[in-house]
Amino acid sequence: NLIFRFLQSRQKVQIWLFEQKELRIEGRIIGFDEYMNLVLDEAEEVSLKRKSRKPLGRILLKGDNITLMQTTSVAKAIV
């Protein structure tokens, strides 16, 4: 399972949100469940439109909101 590998490696991930094209969430996965709800630590809200970051701390992100998940190293290579 890819999410479990992200959890084990403590890699920082970038999450694309459902119907929120200008907003991403970055953080480290510290927990998840069968519904793909994620607990993220060191989470940040990344606004592509404003080119800004807002620290969120530890959050619970519902799986319904997740469109795509990738490591931040992949995300930086694309930009």
N, C-alpha and C. Protein backbone atom coordinates (compact mmCIF):
# COMPACT_ATOMS: atom_id res chain seq x y z
N ASN A 1 0.84 -1.18 0.00
CA ASN A 1 0.00 0.00 0.00
C ASN A 1 0.88 1.24 0.00
N LEU A 2 0.63 2.13 -0.92
CA LEU A 2 1.44 3.34 -1.07
C LEU A 2 1.34 4.26 0.14
N ILE A 3 0.15 4.41 0.69
CA ILE A 3 -0.02 5.28 1.86
C ILE A 3 0.80 4.75 3.03
N PHE A 4 0.81 3.43 3.21
CA PHE A 4 1.59 2.83 4.29
C PHE A 4 3.09 3.08 4.09
N ARG A 5 3.56 3.04 2.84
CA ARG A 5 4.97 3.35 2.56
C ARG A 5 5.30 4.80 2.89
N PHE A 6 4.39 5.72 2.56
CA PHE A 6 4.59 7.13 2.94
C PHE A 6 4.65 7.27 4.46
N LEU A 7 3.79 6.53 5.16
CA LEU A 7 3.77 6.57 6.62
C LEU A 7 5.08 6.05 7.20
N GLN A 8 5.54 4.90 6.71
CA GLN A 8 6.77 4.29 7.21
C GLN A 8 8.00 5.15 6.95
N SER A 9 8.09 5.73 5.77
CA SER A 9 9.29 6.49 5.40
C SER A 9 9.27 7.92 5.93
N ARG A 10 8.12 8.36 6.47
CA ARG A 10 7.96 9.74 6.97
C ARG A 10 8.27 10.78 5.90
N GLN A 11 8.05 10.39 4.62
CA GLN A 11 8.25 11.32 3.51
C GLN A 11 7.18 12.40 3.54
N LYS A 12 7.55 13.60 3.16
CA LYS A 12 6.56 14.67 3.04
C LYS A 12 5.77 14.46 1.75
N VAL A 13 4.45 14.54 1.85
CA VAL A 13 3.59 14.33 0.68
C VAL A 13 2.81 15.59 0.36
N GLN A 14 2.44 15.70 -0.91
CA GLN A 14 1.56 16.78 -1.36
C GLN A 14 0.24 16.15 -1.77
N ILE A 15 -0.85 16.73 -1.30
CA ILE A 15 -2.18 16.19 -1.58
C ILE A 15 -2.98 17.22 -2.36
N TRP A 16 -3.50 16.78 -3.50
CA TRP A 16 -4.38 17.63 -4.32
C TRP A 16 -5.78 17.43 -3.78
N LEU A 17 -6.50 18.52 -3.59
CA LEU A 17 -7.84 18.47 -3.02
C LEU A 17 -8.92 18.43 -4.09
N PHE A 18 -10.00 17.73 -3.79
CA PHE A 18 -11.14 17.58 -4.70
C PHE A 18 -11.79 18.94 -4.93
N GLU A 19 -11.94 19.32 -6.20
CA GLU A 19 -12.57 20.57 -6.62
C GLU A 19 -11.92 21.82 -6.02
N GLN A 20 -10.62 21.76 -5.73
CA GLN A 20 -9.87 22.91 -5.21
C GLN A 20 -8.55 22.97 -5.98
N LYS A 21 -8.60 23.42 -7.22
CA LYS A 21 -7.44 23.36 -8.10
C LYS A 21 -6.29 24.25 -7.67
N GLU A 22 -6.57 25.32 -6.94
CA GLU A 22 -5.53 26.28 -6.55
C GLU A 22 -4.97 26.01 -5.15
N LEU A 23 -5.40 24.91 -4.53
CA LEU A 23 -5.01 24.65 -3.14
C LEU A 23 -4.48 23.23 -2.99
N ARG A 24 -3.37 23.09 -2.29
CA ARG A 24 -2.79 21.77 -1.99
C ARG A 24 -2.49 21.71 -0.50
N ILE A 25 -2.37 20.52 0.01
CA ILE A 25 -1.95 20.31 1.40
C ILE A 25 -0.67 19.50 1.38
N GLU A 26 0.34 19.94 2.14
CA GLU A 26 1.58 19.19 2.28
C GLU A 26 1.77 18.84 3.74
N GLY A 27 2.32 17.65 3.98
CA GLY A 27 2.60 17.22 5.35
C GLY A 27 3.11 15.80 5.38
N ARG A 28 3.34 15.30 6.59
CA ARG A 28 3.82 13.93 6.79
C ARG A 28 2.67 13.09 7.34
N ILE A 29 2.41 11.95 6.70
CA ILE A 29 1.33 11.06 7.14
C ILE A 29 1.76 10.35 8.42
N ILE A 30 0.94 10.48 9.46
CA ILE A 30 1.24 9.76 10.70
C ILE A 30 0.14 8.76 11.06
N GLY A 31 -0.92 8.73 10.23
CA GLY A 31 -1.98 7.76 10.44
C GLY A 31 -3.00 7.81 9.32
N PHE A 32 -3.71 6.69 9.11
CA PHE A 32 -4.77 6.63 8.11
C PHE A 32 -5.69 5.47 8.44
N ASP A 33 -6.86 5.45 7.80
CA ASP A 33 -7.79 4.35 8.02
C ASP A 33 -8.29 3.79 6.69
N GLU A 34 -9.24 2.86 6.77
CA GLU A 34 -9.72 2.18 5.56
C GLU A 34 -10.50 3.11 4.62
N TYR A 35 -10.90 4.28 5.10
CA TYR A 35 -11.62 5.25 4.27
C TYR A 35 -10.67 6.28 3.64
N MET A 36 -9.38 6.09 3.83
CA MET A 36 -8.33 6.98 3.34
C MET A 36 -8.36 8.35 4.04
N ASN A 37 -8.98 8.40 5.23
CA ASN A 37 -8.83 9.59 6.06
C ASN A 37 -7.39 9.61 6.53
N LEU A 38 -6.75 10.77 6.50
CA LEU A 38 -5.34 10.88 6.85
C LEU A 38 -5.13 11.79 8.04
N VAL A 39 -4.21 11.42 8.91
CA VAL A 39 -3.72 12.34 9.93
C VAL A 39 -2.36 12.81 9.43
N LEU A 40 -2.23 14.13 9.25
CA LEU A 40 -0.99 14.72 8.74
C LEU A 40 -0.36 15.56 9.83
N ASP A 41 0.96 15.44 9.96
CA ASP A 41 1.72 16.26 10.89
C ASP A 41 2.52 17.26 10.07
N GLU A 42 2.84 18.40 10.67
CA GLU A 42 3.59 19.46 9.99
C GLU A 42 2.87 19.89 8.70
N ALA A 43 1.54 19.88 8.75
CA ALA A 43 0.74 20.19 7.55
C ALA A 43 0.80 21.68 7.21
N GLU A 44 0.78 21.94 5.90
CA GLU A 44 0.75 23.30 5.39
C GLU A 44 -0.27 23.38 4.26
N GLU A 45 -0.99 24.48 4.21
CA GLU A 45 -1.89 24.76 3.10
C GLU A 45 -1.09 25.56 2.07
N VAL A 46 -1.00 25.04 0.85
CA VAL A 46 -0.21 25.68 -0.20
C VAL A 46 -1.17 26.27 -1.23
N SER A 47 -1.13 27.59 -1.36
CA SER A 47 -1.98 28.29 -2.34
C SER A 47 -1.16 28.54 -3.59
N LEU A 48 -1.55 27.93 -4.70
CA LEU A 48 -0.84 28.11 -5.97
C LEU A 48 -1.14 29.49 -6.55
N LYS A 49 -2.33 29.98 -6.31
CA LYS A 49 -2.74 31.28 -6.84
C LYS A 49 -1.96 32.42 -6.19
N ARG A 50 -1.89 32.40 -4.85
CA ARG A 50 -1.20 33.46 -4.11
C ARG A 50 0.28 33.17 -3.90
N LYS A 51 0.70 31.94 -4.25
CA LYS A 51 2.07 31.50 -4.01
C LYS A 51 2.45 31.69 -2.53
N SER A 52 1.58 31.17 -1.66
CA SER A 52 1.80 31.32 -0.22
C SER A 52 1.58 29.98 0.48
N ARG A 53 2.10 29.92 1.72
CA ARG A 53 1.96 28.73 2.56
C ARG A 53 1.42 29.15 3.92
N LYS A 54 0.49 28.35 4.43
CA LYS A 54 -0.08 28.63 5.74
C LYS A 54 0.11 27.39 6.62
N PRO A 55 0.86 27.50 7.71
CA PRO A 55 1.06 26.34 8.58
C PRO A 55 -0.24 25.93 9.28
N LEU A 56 -0.52 24.63 9.29
CA LEU A 56 -1.74 24.11 9.90
C LEU A 56 -1.46 23.22 11.11
N GLY A 57 -0.23 22.71 11.22
CA GLY A 57 0.10 21.81 12.33
C GLY A 57 -0.38 20.40 12.04
N ARG A 58 -0.99 19.76 13.03
CA ARG A 58 -1.50 18.39 12.87
C ARG A 58 -2.99 18.46 12.51
N ILE A 59 -3.35 17.79 11.42
CA ILE A 59 -4.73 17.85 10.94
C ILE A 59 -5.26 16.46 10.60
N LEU A 60 -6.57 16.36 10.53
CA LEU A 60 -7.26 15.18 10.01
C LEU A 60 -7.90 15.58 8.70
N LEU A 61 -7.51 14.93 7.62
CA LEU A 61 -8.04 15.23 6.29
C LEU A 61 -8.93 14.07 5.86
N LYS A 62 -10.21 14.36 5.61
CA LYS A 62 -11.14 13.31 5.18
C LYS A 62 -10.77 12.79 3.81
N GLY A 63 -10.85 11.50 3.63
CA GLY A 63 -10.52 10.85 2.37
C GLY A 63 -11.35 11.33 1.19
N ASP A 64 -12.57 11.80 1.45
CA ASP A 64 -13.45 12.31 0.39
C ASP A 64 -12.83 13.51 -0.33
N ASN A 65 -11.94 14.22 0.34
CA ASN A 65 -11.35 15.44 -0.22
C ASN A 65 -10.09 15.20 -1.04
N ILE A 66 -9.61 13.96 -1.07
CA ILE A 66 -8.32 13.66 -1.70
C ILE A 66 -8.51 13.25 -3.15
N THR A 67 -7.81 13.94 -4.05
CA THR A 67 -7.84 13.61 -5.48
C THR A 67 -6.57 12.87 -5.87
N LEU A 68 -5.42 13.35 -5.40
CA LEU A 68 -4.13 12.79 -5.78
C LEU A 68 -3.15 12.99 -4.64
N MET A 69 -2.21 12.05 -4.50
CA MET A 69 -1.19 12.14 -3.47
C MET A 69 0.16 11.81 -4.09
N GLN A 70 1.17 12.64 -3.80
CA GLN A 70 2.52 12.41 -4.33
C GLN A 70 3.54 12.95 -3.34
N THR A 71 4.78 12.49 -3.47
CA THR A 71 5.83 13.04 -2.61
C THR A 71 6.13 14.47 -3.03
N THR A 72 6.60 15.27 -2.11
CA THR A 72 6.90 16.66 -2.45
C THR A 72 8.09 16.74 -3.40
N SER A 73 8.98 15.75 -3.38
CA SER A 73 10.11 15.77 -4.32
C SER A 73 9.62 15.63 -5.76
N VAL A 74 8.59 14.83 -5.98
CA VAL A 74 7.98 14.70 -7.32
C VAL A 74 7.28 16.00 -7.69
N ALA A 75 6.59 16.60 -6.73
CA ALA A 75 5.86 17.84 -6.98
C ALA A 75 6.81 18.96 -7.39
N LYS A 76 7.96 19.06 -6.74
CA LYS A 76 8.93 20.11 -7.07
C LYS A 76 9.56 19.87 -8.44
N ALA A 77 9.73 18.61 -8.82
CA ALA A 77 10.32 18.29 -10.12
C ALA A 77 9.38 18.68 -11.26
N ILE A 78 8.07 18.61 -11.01
CA ILE A 78 7.08 18.94 -12.04
C ILE A 78 7.04 20.44 -12.29
N VAL A 79 7.14 21.23 -11.23
CA VAL A 79 7.04 22.70 -11.34
C VAL A 79 8.26 23.25 -11.92
